[in-house]
Amino acid sequence: MKILIADSMHPSLFSMLESQGWEYAYHPEYKRDDIIQALPGFEGLFIRSKTFVDQEVMENAPQLRFIARAGAGLDLIDLEVAKQRGVEVFHAGEGNRDAVAEHMLGMLLGLLANIVKADKEVRGGVWDREGNRGVELMKKTVGLIGYGNNGGATAKRLSGFGCKVLAYDKYREDYGDEYAQEASLEQIMQKADILSLHIPLTDETKYLINQKFIEDFSKPFYLMNLSRGKVADLTAVVEGLKSGKIIGACLDVLENEKLKTLSDPQQAVFDYLSQSNRVVLTPHIGGWTHESYVRINEVLLRQIKDWLIVA
């Protein structure tokens, strides 16, 4: 087995590969053209988020047997082309689920209790207790869209706060459990105080959260997005914040995360979000912990080994 690692990975991956007797070439500096030129002769490809692996990449790799994505999302891999070419695709959704769940909870508590706002004020010499009176998470109804690895881990943690969790997942059946009640999207829109997104970016989910979706919510709500930026139309989110339909938002992802390349409309939206005390922003680090960095490698290696047994 010869594997090309074309993105930065935790060093633990190397010893894991060596323990299996697999050869690897580590080139985190490779750009798209470099990957295309180097792939012939390799059976495996490890990537993270740098390169879109499409038909052009795969057709130049006749020996390619699998692609391993060191993360949860698969929107950077053309899954249809991979299927047509018989290329197996692995991802490590369970590798960072605990990190995402904890980050979601941290952002939410920071927003509800005004922790971020109050910290900034105290550092500036302002001691305002009444202006930072918080809202309790206890007994709130939380709607989760997507009930896979991240959604399930999030619901488990919310159970400790006595929350009623409603989960909607279009692609699963009978998925309700001790932590979440299976619900329709309409039920979530009617009952949820907090909406949290745990879905991949697809043609179907792109801009799922738009102006109509927000207006159709039966009551004001808090919005959490730790999935993919383009799942939520941020112009609509800003309008929701201005109207009061969105009480507050926690955003770990943005439509355009390359902040130096924002268009004028994107910059105006970002300026509003970054200046609002009702918004908590983090730089796509929901699943980005020291522990998940190693665990992702462990999950991928286990999946590949199990596949080779059957293949």
C-alpha atoms as a PDB file:
ATOM      1  CA  MET A   1       0.000   0.000   0.000  1.00  0.00           C
ATOM      2  CA  LYS A   2       1.414   3.369  -1.076  1.00  0.00           C
ATOM      3  CA  ILE A   3      -0.328   6.466   0.291  1.00  0.00           C
ATOM      4  CA  LEU A   4       0.053  10.148  -0.572  1.00  0.00           C
ATOM      5  CA  ILE A   5      -0.587  12.500   2.351  1.00  0.00           C
ATOM      6  CA  ALA A   6      -1.261  15.847   0.721  1.00  0.00           C
ATOM      7  CA  ASP A   7      -2.213  17.960   3.727  1.00  0.00           C
ATOM      8  CA  SER A   8      -0.934  18.694   7.223  1.00  0.00           C
ATOM      9  CA  MET A   9      -1.644  15.819   9.603  1.00  0.00           C
ATOM     10  CA  HIS A  10      -0.903  15.035  13.221  1.00  0.00           C
ATOM     11  CA  PRO A  11       2.409  13.117  13.475  1.00  0.00           C
ATOM     12  CA  SER A  12       0.585  10.198  15.106  1.00  0.00           C
ATOM     13  CA  LEU A  13      -0.594   9.204  11.626  1.00  0.00           C
ATOM     14  CA  PHE A  14       2.887   8.223  10.531  1.00  0.00           C
ATOM     15  CA  SER A  15       3.481   5.619  13.225  1.00  0.00           C
ATOM     16  CA  MET A  16      -0.018   4.242  12.624  1.00  0.00           C
ATOM     17  CA  LEU A  17       0.733   3.741   8.938  1.00  0.00           C
ATOM     18  CA  GLU A  18       4.137   2.267   9.663  1.00  0.00           C
ATOM     19  CA  SER A  19       2.618  -0.231  12.087  1.00  0.00           C
ATOM     20  CA  GLN A  20       0.564  -1.583   9.156  1.00  0.00           C
ATOM     21  CA  GLY A  21       3.588  -1.779   6.879  1.00  0.00           C
ATOM     22  CA  TRP A  22       2.143   0.832   4.530  1.00  0.00           C
ATOM     23  CA  GLU A  23       4.402   3.201   2.612  1.00  0.00           C
ATOM     24  CA  TYR A  24       3.577   6.888   2.562  1.00  0.00           C
ATOM     25  CA  ALA A  25       4.835  10.164   1.135  1.00  0.00           C
ATOM     26  CA  TYR A  26       4.091  13.235   3.229  1.00  0.00           C
ATOM     27  CA  HIS A  27       3.744  16.413   1.209  1.00  0.00           C
ATOM     28  CA  PRO A  28       1.537  18.914   3.048  1.00  0.00           C
ATOM     29  CA  GLU A  29       2.930  21.650   0.804  1.00  0.00           C
ATOM     30  CA  TYR A  30       1.394  20.128  -2.327  1.00  0.00           C
ATOM     31  CA  LYS A  31      -1.127  22.229  -4.223  1.00  0.00           C
ATOM     32  CA  ARG A  32      -3.725  20.875  -6.619  1.00  0.00           C
ATOM     33  CA  ASP A  33      -1.420  20.565  -9.632  1.00  0.00           C
ATOM     34  CA  ASP A  34       1.237  18.874  -7.494  1.00  0.00           C
ATOM     35  CA  ILE A  35      -1.303  16.298  -6.286  1.00  0.00           C
ATOM     36  CA  ILE A  36      -2.466  15.556  -9.828  1.00  0.00           C
ATOM     37  CA  GLN A  37       1.105  15.006 -10.993  1.00  0.00           C
ATOM     38  CA  ALA A  38       2.096  12.904  -7.990  1.00  0.00           C
ATOM     39  CA  LEU A  39      -0.970  10.655  -7.593  1.00  0.00           C
ATOM     40  CA  PRO A  40      -0.180   8.071 -10.311  1.00  0.00           C
ATOM     41  CA  GLY A  41       1.327   5.091  -8.485  1.00  0.00           C
ATOM     42  CA  PHE A  42      -0.436   5.781  -5.188  1.00  0.00           C
ATOM     43  CA  GLU A  43      -3.311   3.638  -3.921  1.00  0.00           C
ATOM     44  CA  GLY A  44      -4.437   5.964  -1.144  1.00  0.00           C
ATOM     45  CA  LEU A  45      -4.838   9.720  -0.675  1.00  0.00           C
ATOM     46  CA  PHE A  46      -5.131  11.523   2.664  1.00  0.00           C
ATOM     47  CA  ILE A  47      -6.516  15.069   2.554  1.00  0.00           C
ATOM     48  CA  ARG A  48      -8.113  17.621   4.839  1.00  0.00           C
ATOM     49  CA  SER A  49      -9.674  20.780   3.410  1.00  0.00           C
ATOM     50  CA  LYS A  50      -7.217  22.205   0.922  1.00  0.00           C
ATOM     51  CA  THR A  51      -8.123  20.506  -2.355  1.00  0.00           C
ATOM     52  CA  PHE A  52     -11.317  19.605  -4.195  1.00  0.00           C
ATOM     53  CA  VAL A  53     -10.887  16.020  -5.309  1.00  0.00           C
ATOM     54  CA  ASP A  54     -12.888  15.836  -8.525  1.00  0.00           C
ATOM     55  CA  GLN A  55     -12.807  13.948 -11.804  1.00  0.00           C
ATOM     56  CA  GLU A  56      -9.643  15.677 -12.997  1.00  0.00           C
ATOM     57  CA  VAL A  57      -7.776  14.535  -9.894  1.00  0.00           C
ATOM     58  CA  MET A  58      -9.091  10.976  -9.891  1.00  0.00           C
ATOM     59  CA  GLU A  59      -8.779  10.264 -13.609  1.00  0.00           C
ATOM     60  CA  ASN A  60      -5.049  10.880 -13.315  1.00  0.00           C
ATOM     61  CA  ALA A  61      -4.769   8.245 -10.581  1.00  0.00           C
ATOM     62  CA  PRO A  62      -5.559   4.842 -12.140  1.00  0.00           C
ATOM     63  CA  GLN A  63      -4.295   2.959  -9.074  1.00  0.00           C
ATOM     64  CA  LEU A  64      -6.188   5.024  -6.534  1.00  0.00           C
ATOM     65  CA  ARG A  65      -8.263   2.763  -4.271  1.00  0.00           C
ATOM     66  CA  PHE A  66      -9.339   5.119  -1.478  1.00  0.00           C
ATOM     67  CA  ILE A  67      -9.508   8.714  -0.295  1.00  0.00           C
ATOM     68  CA  ALA A  68      -9.357   9.440   3.430  1.00  0.00           C
ATOM     69  CA  ARG A  69     -10.683  12.808   4.569  1.00  0.00           C
ATOM     70  CA  ALA A  70      -9.280  13.837   7.938  1.00  0.00           C
ATOM     71  CA  GLY A  71     -12.490  15.483   9.086  1.00  0.00           C
ATOM     72  CA  ALA A  72     -16.244  15.074   8.982  1.00  0.00           C
ATOM     73  CA  GLY A  73     -17.432  16.839   5.823  1.00  0.00           C
ATOM     74  CA  LEU A  74     -17.224  15.331   2.352  1.00  0.00           C
ATOM     75  CA  ASP A  75     -18.210  18.384   0.302  1.00  0.00           C
ATOM     76  CA  LEU A  76     -14.663  18.623  -1.120  1.00  0.00           C
ATOM     77  CA  ILE A  77     -14.859  15.174  -2.726  1.00  0.00           C
ATOM     78  CA  ASP A  78     -16.925  14.376  -5.812  1.00  0.00           C
ATOM     79  CA  LEU A  79     -18.593  11.294  -4.371  1.00  0.00           C
ATOM     80  CA  GLU A  80     -20.334  10.364  -7.614  1.00  0.00           C
ATOM     81  CA  VAL A  81     -17.058  10.262  -9.549  1.00  0.00           C
ATOM     82  CA  ALA A  82     -15.424   8.291  -6.745  1.00  0.00           C
ATOM     83  CA  LYS A  83     -18.255   5.757  -6.865  1.00  0.00           C
ATOM     84  CA  GLN A  84     -18.018   5.446 -10.645  1.00  0.00           C
ATOM     85  CA  ARG A  85     -14.287   4.803 -10.415  1.00  0.00           C
ATOM     86  CA  GLY A  86     -14.585   2.355  -7.541  1.00  0.00           C
ATOM     87  CA  VAL A  87     -12.700   4.617  -5.160  1.00  0.00           C
ATOM     88  CA  GLU A  88     -13.682   4.123  -1.523  1.00  0.00           C
ATOM     89  CA  VAL A  89     -14.146   7.305   0.532  1.00  0.00           C
ATOM     90  CA  PHE A  90     -13.546   7.481   4.277  1.00  0.00           C
ATOM     91  CA  HIS A  91     -14.155  10.326   6.682  1.00  0.00           C
ATOM     92  CA  ALA A  92     -13.724  10.714  10.417  1.00  0.00           C
ATOM     93  CA  GLY A  93     -17.090  12.019  11.536  1.00  0.00           C
ATOM     94  CA  GLU A  94     -16.852  10.323  14.899  1.00  0.00           C
ATOM     95  CA  GLY A  95     -13.287  11.560  15.372  1.00  0.00           C
ATOM     96  CA  ASN A  96     -14.273  15.127  16.228  1.00  0.00           C
ATOM     97  CA  ARG A  97     -17.878  14.701  17.382  1.00  0.00           C
ATOM     98  CA  ASP A  98     -17.034  15.267  21.051  1.00  0.00           C
ATOM     99  CA  ALA A  99     -15.012  18.360  20.201  1.00  0.00           C
ATOM    100  CA  VAL A 100     -17.873  19.810  18.128  1.00  0.00           C
ATOM    101  CA  ALA A 101     -20.439  19.062  20.837  1.00  0.00           C
ATOM    102  CA  GLU A 102     -18.353  20.707  23.555  1.00  0.00           C
ATOM    103  CA  HIS A 103     -17.632  23.716  21.358  1.00  0.00           C
ATOM    104  CA  MET A 104     -21.308  24.139  20.576  1.00  0.00           C
ATOM    105  CA  LEU A 105     -22.154  24.071  24.252  1.00  0.00           C
ATOM    106  CA  GLY A 106     -19.361  26.507  25.077  1.00  0.00           C
ATOM    107  CA  MET A 107     -20.473  28.993  22.437  1.00  0.00           C
ATOM    108  CA  LEU A 108     -24.101  28.709  23.499  1.00  0.00           C
ATOM    109  CA  LEU A 109     -23.380  29.247  27.191  1.00  0.00           C
ATOM    110  CA  GLY A 110     -21.083  32.134  26.287  1.00  0.00           C
ATOM    111  CA  LEU A 111     -23.924  33.774  24.397  1.00  0.00           C
ATOM    112  CA  LEU A 112     -26.740  33.088  26.855  1.00  0.00           C
ATOM    113  CA  ALA A 113     -24.720  34.193  29.891  1.00  0.00           C
ATOM    114  CA  ASN A 114     -23.162  37.198  28.095  1.00  0.00           C
ATOM    115  CA  ILE A 115     -19.707  35.854  28.932  1.00  0.00           C
ATOM    116  CA  VAL A 116     -18.018  37.169  25.789  1.00  0.00           C
ATOM    117  CA  LYS A 117     -19.687  40.575  26.032  1.00  0.00           C
ATOM    118  CA  ALA A 118     -19.049  40.938  29.765  1.00  0.00           C
ATOM    119  CA  ASP A 119     -15.410  39.883  29.458  1.00  0.00           C
ATOM    120  CA  LYS A 120     -14.803  42.579  26.843  1.00  0.00           C
ATOM    121  CA  GLU A 121     -16.520  45.210  28.984  1.00  0.00           C
ATOM    122  CA  VAL A 122     -14.671  44.374  32.198  1.00  0.00           C
ATOM    123  CA  ARG A 123     -11.341  44.496  30.364  1.00  0.00           C
ATOM    124  CA  GLY A 124     -12.379  47.981  29.235  1.00  0.00           C
ATOM    125  CA  GLY A 125     -13.155  49.104  32.775  1.00  0.00           C
ATOM    126  CA  VAL A 126     -16.946  48.691  32.584  1.00  0.00           C
ATOM    127  CA  TRP A 127     -18.638  46.849  35.476  1.00  0.00           C
ATOM    128  CA  ASP A 128     -22.240  46.347  34.317  1.00  0.00           C
ATOM    129  CA  ARG A 129     -24.062  43.569  36.153  1.00  0.00           C
ATOM    130  CA  GLU A 130     -27.645  44.335  35.131  1.00  0.00           C
ATOM    131  CA  GLY A 131     -26.714  44.833  31.469  1.00  0.00           C
ATOM    132  CA  ASN A 132     -25.210  41.365  31.460  1.00  0.00           C
ATOM    133  CA  ARG A 133     -27.991  39.475  33.217  1.00  0.00           C
ATOM    134  CA  GLY A 134     -28.017  36.081  31.512  1.00  0.00           C
ATOM    135  CA  VAL A 135     -30.539  33.556  30.237  1.00  0.00           C
ATOM    136  CA  GLU A 136     -30.462  29.957  31.488  1.00  0.00           C
ATOM    137  CA  LEU A 137     -30.123  27.009  29.132  1.00  0.00           C
ATOM    138  CA  MET A 138     -32.024  24.806  31.587  1.00  0.00           C
ATOM    139  CA  LYS A 139     -35.363  23.496  30.253  1.00  0.00           C
ATOM    140  CA  LYS A 140     -34.982  25.118  26.831  1.00  0.00           C
ATOM    141  CA  THR A 141     -36.177  23.252  23.731  1.00  0.00           C
ATOM    142  CA  VAL A 142     -33.325  22.682  21.298  1.00  0.00           C
ATOM    143  CA  GLY A 143     -33.889  21.683  17.691  1.00  0.00           C
ATOM    144  CA  LEU A 144     -31.127  19.777  15.920  1.00  0.00           C
ATOM    145  CA  ILE A 145     -31.112  19.508  12.143  1.00  0.00           C
ATOM    146  CA  GLY A 146     -28.978  16.462  11.424  1.00  0.00           C
ATOM    147  CA  TYR A 147     -28.679  13.626  13.920  1.00  0.00           C
ATOM    148  CA  GLY A 148     -25.474  11.849  13.038  1.00  0.00           C
ATOM    149  CA  ASN A 149     -22.204  11.830  14.971  1.00  0.00           C
ATOM    150  CA  ASN A 150     -22.172  15.522  15.886  1.00  0.00           C
ATOM    151  CA  GLY A 151     -25.899  15.830  16.485  1.00  0.00           C
ATOM    152  CA  GLY A 152     -25.960  12.785  18.745  1.00  0.00           C
ATOM    153  CA  ALA A 153     -22.962  13.942  20.780  1.00  0.00           C
ATOM    154  CA  THR A 154     -24.538  17.389  21.167  1.00  0.00           C
ATOM    155  CA  ALA A 155     -27.879  15.981  22.335  1.00  0.00           C
ATOM    156  CA  LYS A 156     -26.116  13.857  24.934  1.00  0.00           C
ATOM    157  CA  ARG A 157     -24.498  16.918  26.472  1.00  0.00           C
ATOM    158  CA  LEU A 158     -27.670  18.985  26.352  1.00  0.00           C
ATOM    159  CA  SER A 159     -29.431  16.291  28.374  1.00  0.00           C
ATOM    160  CA  GLY A 160     -27.413  17.379  31.387  1.00  0.00           C
ATOM    161  CA  PHE A 161     -29.156  20.743  31.249  1.00  0.00           C
ATOM    162  CA  GLY A 162     -32.649  19.286  31.242  1.00  0.00           C
ATOM    163  CA  CYS A 163     -33.221  20.424  27.678  1.00  0.00           C
ATOM    164  CA  LYS A 164     -35.906  18.944  25.482  1.00  0.00           C
ATOM    165  CA  VAL A 165     -34.102  18.004  22.293  1.00  0.00           C
ATOM    166  CA  LEU A 166     -35.962  17.613  19.016  1.00  0.00           C
ATOM    167  CA  ALA A 167     -33.966  16.060  16.174  1.00  0.00           C
ATOM    168  CA  TYR A 168     -34.709  16.058  12.461  1.00  0.00           C
ATOM    169  CA  ASP A 169     -32.710  13.932  10.041  1.00  0.00           C
ATOM    170  CA  LYS A 170     -34.101  13.426   6.546  1.00  0.00           C
ATOM    171  CA  TYR A 171     -31.872  10.451   5.829  1.00  0.00           C
ATOM    172  CA  ARG A 172     -32.519   8.344   8.929  1.00  0.00           C
ATOM    173  CA  GLU A 173     -35.478   6.435  10.360  1.00  0.00           C
ATOM    174  CA  ASP A 174     -36.284   5.490  13.958  1.00  0.00           C
ATOM    175  CA  TYR A 175     -33.322   7.477  15.276  1.00  0.00           C
ATOM    176  CA  GLY A 176     -34.933   8.862  18.424  1.00  0.00           C
ATOM    177  CA  ASP A 177     -33.119   7.839  21.606  1.00  0.00           C
ATOM    178  CA  GLU A 178     -32.774   8.703  25.269  1.00  0.00           C
ATOM    179  CA  TYR A 179     -31.249  12.076  24.400  1.00  0.00           C
ATOM    180  CA  ALA A 180     -33.447  13.300  21.541  1.00  0.00           C
ATOM    181  CA  GLN A 181     -36.982  12.932  20.262  1.00  0.00           C
ATOM    182  CA  GLU A 182     -37.435  12.336  16.557  1.00  0.00           C
ATOM    183  CA  ALA A 183     -39.285  15.313  15.077  1.00  0.00           C
ATOM    184  CA  SER A 184     -40.275  16.887  11.790  1.00  0.00           C
ATOM    185  CA  LEU A 185     -38.709  20.106  10.558  1.00  0.00           C
ATOM    186  CA  GLU A 186     -42.091  21.778  11.057  1.00  0.00           C
ATOM    187  CA  GLN A 187     -42.211  20.686  14.711  1.00  0.00           C
ATOM    188  CA  ILE A 188     -38.756  22.124  15.313  1.00  0.00           C
ATOM    189  CA  MET A 189     -39.762  25.401  13.684  1.00  0.00           C
ATOM    190  CA  GLN A 190     -42.821  25.571  15.929  1.00  0.00           C
ATOM    191  CA  LYS A 191     -41.256  24.643  19.263  1.00  0.00           C
ATOM    192  CA  ALA A 192     -37.495  25.238  19.363  1.00  0.00           C
ATOM    193  CA  ASP A 193     -35.933  28.022  21.408  1.00  0.00           C
ATOM    194  CA  ILE A 194     -32.526  27.153  19.967  1.00  0.00           C
ATOM    195  CA  LEU A 195     -31.710  25.788  16.512  1.00  0.00           C
ATOM    196  CA  SER A 196     -28.422  23.963  15.938  1.00  0.00           C
ATOM    197  CA  LEU A 197     -27.204  22.772  12.528  1.00  0.00           C
ATOM    198  CA  HIS A 198     -25.346  19.462  12.135  1.00  0.00           C
ATOM    199  CA  ILE A 199     -25.561  18.777   8.412  1.00  0.00           C
ATOM    200  CA  PRO A 200     -23.135  18.567   5.482  1.00  0.00           C
ATOM    201  CA  LEU A 201     -23.104  21.090   2.657  1.00  0.00           C
ATOM    202  CA  THR A 202     -24.953  19.695  -0.349  1.00  0.00           C
ATOM    203  CA  ASP A 203     -27.093  21.140  -3.136  1.00  0.00           C
ATOM    204  CA  GLU A 204     -30.057  20.358  -0.901  1.00  0.00           C
ATOM    205  CA  THR A 205     -28.736  22.040   2.251  1.00  0.00           C
ATOM    206  CA  LYS A 206     -27.101  25.080   0.656  1.00  0.00           C
ATOM    207  CA  TYR A 207     -28.772  28.161   2.165  1.00  0.00           C
ATOM    208  CA  LEU A 208     -31.322  26.031   3.984  1.00  0.00           C
ATOM    209  CA  ILE A 209     -31.416  28.823   6.546  1.00  0.00           C
ATOM    210  CA  ASN A 210     -32.718  31.674   4.428  1.00  0.00           C
ATOM    211  CA  GLN A 211     -35.120  34.571   4.899  1.00  0.00           C
ATOM    212  CA  LYS A 212     -38.244  32.432   4.469  1.00  0.00           C
ATOM    213  CA  PHE A 213     -36.980  29.750   6.872  1.00  0.00           C
ATOM    214  CA  ILE A 214     -36.273  32.368   9.531  1.00  0.00           C
ATOM    215  CA  GLU A 215     -39.623  34.113   9.036  1.00  0.00           C
ATOM    216  CA  ASP A 216     -41.478  30.787   9.215  1.00  0.00           C
ATOM    217  CA  PHE A 217     -40.082  30.046  12.693  1.00  0.00           C
ATOM    218  CA  SER A 218     -42.986  30.466  15.085  1.00  0.00           C
ATOM    219  CA  LYS A 219     -41.046  32.406  17.715  1.00  0.00           C
ATOM    220  CA  PRO A 220     -37.710  34.180  18.160  1.00  0.00           C
ATOM    221  CA  PHE A 221     -34.819  31.723  18.471  1.00  0.00           C
ATOM    222  CA  TYR A 222     -31.083  31.377  18.909  1.00  0.00           C
ATOM    223  CA  LEU A 223     -29.145  30.068  15.885  1.00  0.00           C
ATOM    224  CA  MET A 224     -26.103  27.781  16.118  1.00  0.00           C
ATOM    225  CA  ASN A 225     -24.053  26.867  13.040  1.00  0.00           C
ATOM    226  CA  LEU A 226     -21.018  24.621  13.468  1.00  0.00           C
ATOM    227  CA  SER A 227     -21.567  22.728  10.215  1.00  0.00           C
ATOM    228  CA  ARG A 228     -20.745  24.541   6.959  1.00  0.00           C
ATOM    229  CA  GLY A 229     -20.945  28.254   6.296  1.00  0.00           C
ATOM    230  CA  LYS A 230     -23.124  28.128   3.199  1.00  0.00           C
ATOM    231  CA  VAL A 231     -25.851  26.204   4.998  1.00  0.00           C
ATOM    232  CA  ALA A 232     -26.955  29.610   6.326  1.00  0.00           C
ATOM    233  CA  ASP A 233     -27.475  32.744   4.252  1.00  0.00           C
ATOM    234  CA  LEU A 234     -25.735  35.298   6.443  1.00  0.00           C
ATOM    235  CA  THR A 235     -27.553  38.236   4.852  1.00  0.00           C
ATOM    236  CA  ALA A 236     -30.788  36.622   6.024  1.00  0.00           C
ATOM    237  CA  VAL A 237     -29.243  35.932   9.437  1.00  0.00           C
ATOM    238  CA  VAL A 238     -28.338  39.609   9.821  1.00  0.00           C
ATOM    239  CA  GLU A 239     -31.866  40.633   8.840  1.00  0.00           C
ATOM    240  CA  GLY A 240     -33.177  38.135  11.394  1.00  0.00           C
ATOM    241  CA  LEU A 241     -30.978  39.673  14.085  1.00  0.00           C
ATOM    242  CA  LYS A 242     -32.122  43.161  13.162  1.00  0.00           C
ATOM    243  CA  SER A 243     -35.796  42.192  13.239  1.00  0.00           C
ATOM    244  CA  GLY A 244     -35.440  40.283  16.519  1.00  0.00           C
ATOM    245  CA  LYS A 245     -36.549  36.970  15.006  1.00  0.00           C
ATOM    246  CA  ILE A 246     -33.059  35.680  15.722  1.00  0.00           C
ATOM    247  CA  ILE A 247     -32.263  36.522  19.338  1.00  0.00           C
ATOM    248  CA  GLY A 248     -28.588  35.672  18.997  1.00  0.00           C
ATOM    249  CA  ALA A 249     -26.254  33.566  16.881  1.00  0.00           C
ATOM    250  CA  CYS A 250     -23.182  31.416  17.402  1.00  0.00           C
ATOM    251  CA  LEU A 251     -21.247  30.939  14.174  1.00  0.00           C
ATOM    252  CA  ASP A 252     -18.168  28.765  13.918  1.00  0.00           C
ATOM    253  CA  VAL A 253     -18.373  28.853  10.118  1.00  0.00           C
ATOM    254  CA  LEU A 254     -18.992  31.596   7.556  1.00  0.00           C
ATOM    255  CA  GLU A 255     -19.997  31.673   3.895  1.00  0.00           C
ATOM    256  CA  ASN A 256     -16.547  33.009   3.013  1.00  0.00           C
ATOM    257  CA  GLU A 257     -13.909  32.170   5.607  1.00  0.00           C
ATOM    258  CA  LYS A 258     -11.098  33.902   3.693  1.00  0.00           C
ATOM    259  CA  LEU A 259     -11.721  37.224   5.366  1.00  0.00           C
ATOM    260  CA  LYS A 260      -9.315  39.171   3.158  1.00  0.00           C
ATOM    261  CA  THR A 261     -11.322  38.239   0.051  1.00  0.00           C
ATOM    262  CA  LEU A 262     -14.786  39.359   1.183  1.00  0.00           C
ATOM    263  CA  SER A 263     -16.919  41.120  -1.404  1.00  0.00           C
ATOM    264  CA  ASP A 264     -18.467  44.449  -0.407  1.00  0.00           C
ATOM    265  CA  PRO A 265     -21.826  42.830   0.533  1.00  0.00           C
ATOM    266  CA  GLN A 266     -20.018  40.070   2.457  1.00  0.00           C
ATOM    267  CA  GLN A 267     -17.912  42.680   4.260  1.00  0.00           C
ATOM    268  CA  ALA A 268     -21.010  44.616   5.300  1.00  0.00           C
ATOM    269  CA  VAL A 269     -22.565  41.424   6.709  1.00  0.00           C
ATOM    270  CA  PHE A 270     -19.345  40.474   8.480  1.00  0.00           C
ATOM    271  CA  ASP A 271     -18.993  43.960   9.981  1.00  0.00           C
ATOM    272  CA  TYR A 272     -22.473  43.711  11.475  1.00  0.00           C
ATOM    273  CA  LEU A 273     -21.857  40.230  12.885  1.00  0.00           C
ATOM    274  CA  SER A 274     -18.450  41.094  14.320  1.00  0.00           C
ATOM    275  CA  GLN A 275     -19.740  44.241  16.030  1.00  0.00           C
ATOM    276  CA  SER A 276     -22.895  42.682  17.492  1.00  0.00           C
ATOM    277  CA  ASN A 277     -22.998  41.714  21.162  1.00  0.00           C
ATOM    278  CA  ARG A 278     -25.604  39.098  20.228  1.00  0.00           C
ATOM    279  CA  VAL A 279     -23.195  37.111  18.054  1.00  0.00           C
ATOM    280  CA  VAL A 280     -20.351  34.798  19.053  1.00  0.00           C
ATOM    281  CA  LEU A 281     -17.817  33.998  16.319  1.00  0.00           C
ATOM    282  CA  THR A 282     -15.028  31.423  16.181  1.00  0.00           C
ATOM    283  CA  PRO A 283     -12.736  30.510  13.225  1.00  0.00           C
ATOM    284  CA  HIS A 284     -14.058  27.045  12.244  1.00  0.00           C
ATOM    285  CA  ILE A 285     -12.515  25.367  15.281  1.00  0.00           C
ATOM    286  CA  GLY A 286     -15.518  23.394  16.507  1.00  0.00           C
ATOM    287  CA  GLY A 287     -13.809  20.075  15.905  1.00  0.00           C
ATOM    288  CA  TRP A 288     -10.288  21.434  16.306  1.00  0.00           C
ATOM    289  CA  THR A 289      -8.893  20.077  19.555  1.00  0.00           C
ATOM    290  CA  HIS A 290      -5.620  18.386  20.432  1.00  0.00           C
ATOM    291  CA  GLU A 291      -7.532  15.221  21.221  1.00  0.00           C
ATOM    292  CA  SER A 292      -9.589  15.178  18.010  1.00  0.00           C
ATOM    293  CA  TYR A 293      -6.439  15.743  15.936  1.00  0.00           C
ATOM    294  CA  VAL A 294      -5.192  12.315  17.041  1.00  0.00           C
ATOM    295  CA  ARG A 295      -8.594  10.621  17.213  1.00  0.00           C
ATOM    296  CA  ILE A 296      -9.338  11.467  13.568  1.00  0.00           C
ATOM    297  CA  ASN A 297      -6.279   9.458  12.522  1.00  0.00           C
ATOM    298  CA  GLU A 298      -7.334   6.542  14.698  1.00  0.00           C
ATOM    299  CA  VAL A 299     -10.810   6.497  13.183  1.00  0.00           C
ATOM    300  CA  LEU A 300      -9.527   6.628   9.608  1.00  0.00           C
ATOM    301  CA  LEU A 301      -7.014   3.848  10.166  1.00  0.00           C
ATOM    302  CA  ARG A 302      -9.641   1.625  11.735  1.00  0.00           C
ATOM    303  CA  GLN A 303     -11.999   2.182   8.816  1.00  0.00           C
ATOM    304  CA  ILE A 304      -9.329   1.455   6.219  1.00  0.00           C
ATOM    305  CA  LYS A 305      -8.201  -1.716   7.991  1.00  0.00           C
ATOM    306  CA  ASP A 306     -11.790  -2.979   8.274  1.00  0.00           C
ATOM    307  CA  TRP A 307     -12.365  -2.234   4.572  1.00  0.00           C
ATOM    308  CA  LEU A 308      -9.234  -4.091   3.511  1.00  0.00           C
ATOM    309  CA  ILE A 309     -10.411  -7.181   5.343  1.00  0.00           C
ATOM    310  CA  VAL A 310     -13.573  -7.246   3.250  1.00  0.00           C
ATOM    311  CA  ALA A 311     -12.207  -5.802  -0.014  1.00  0.00           C
END
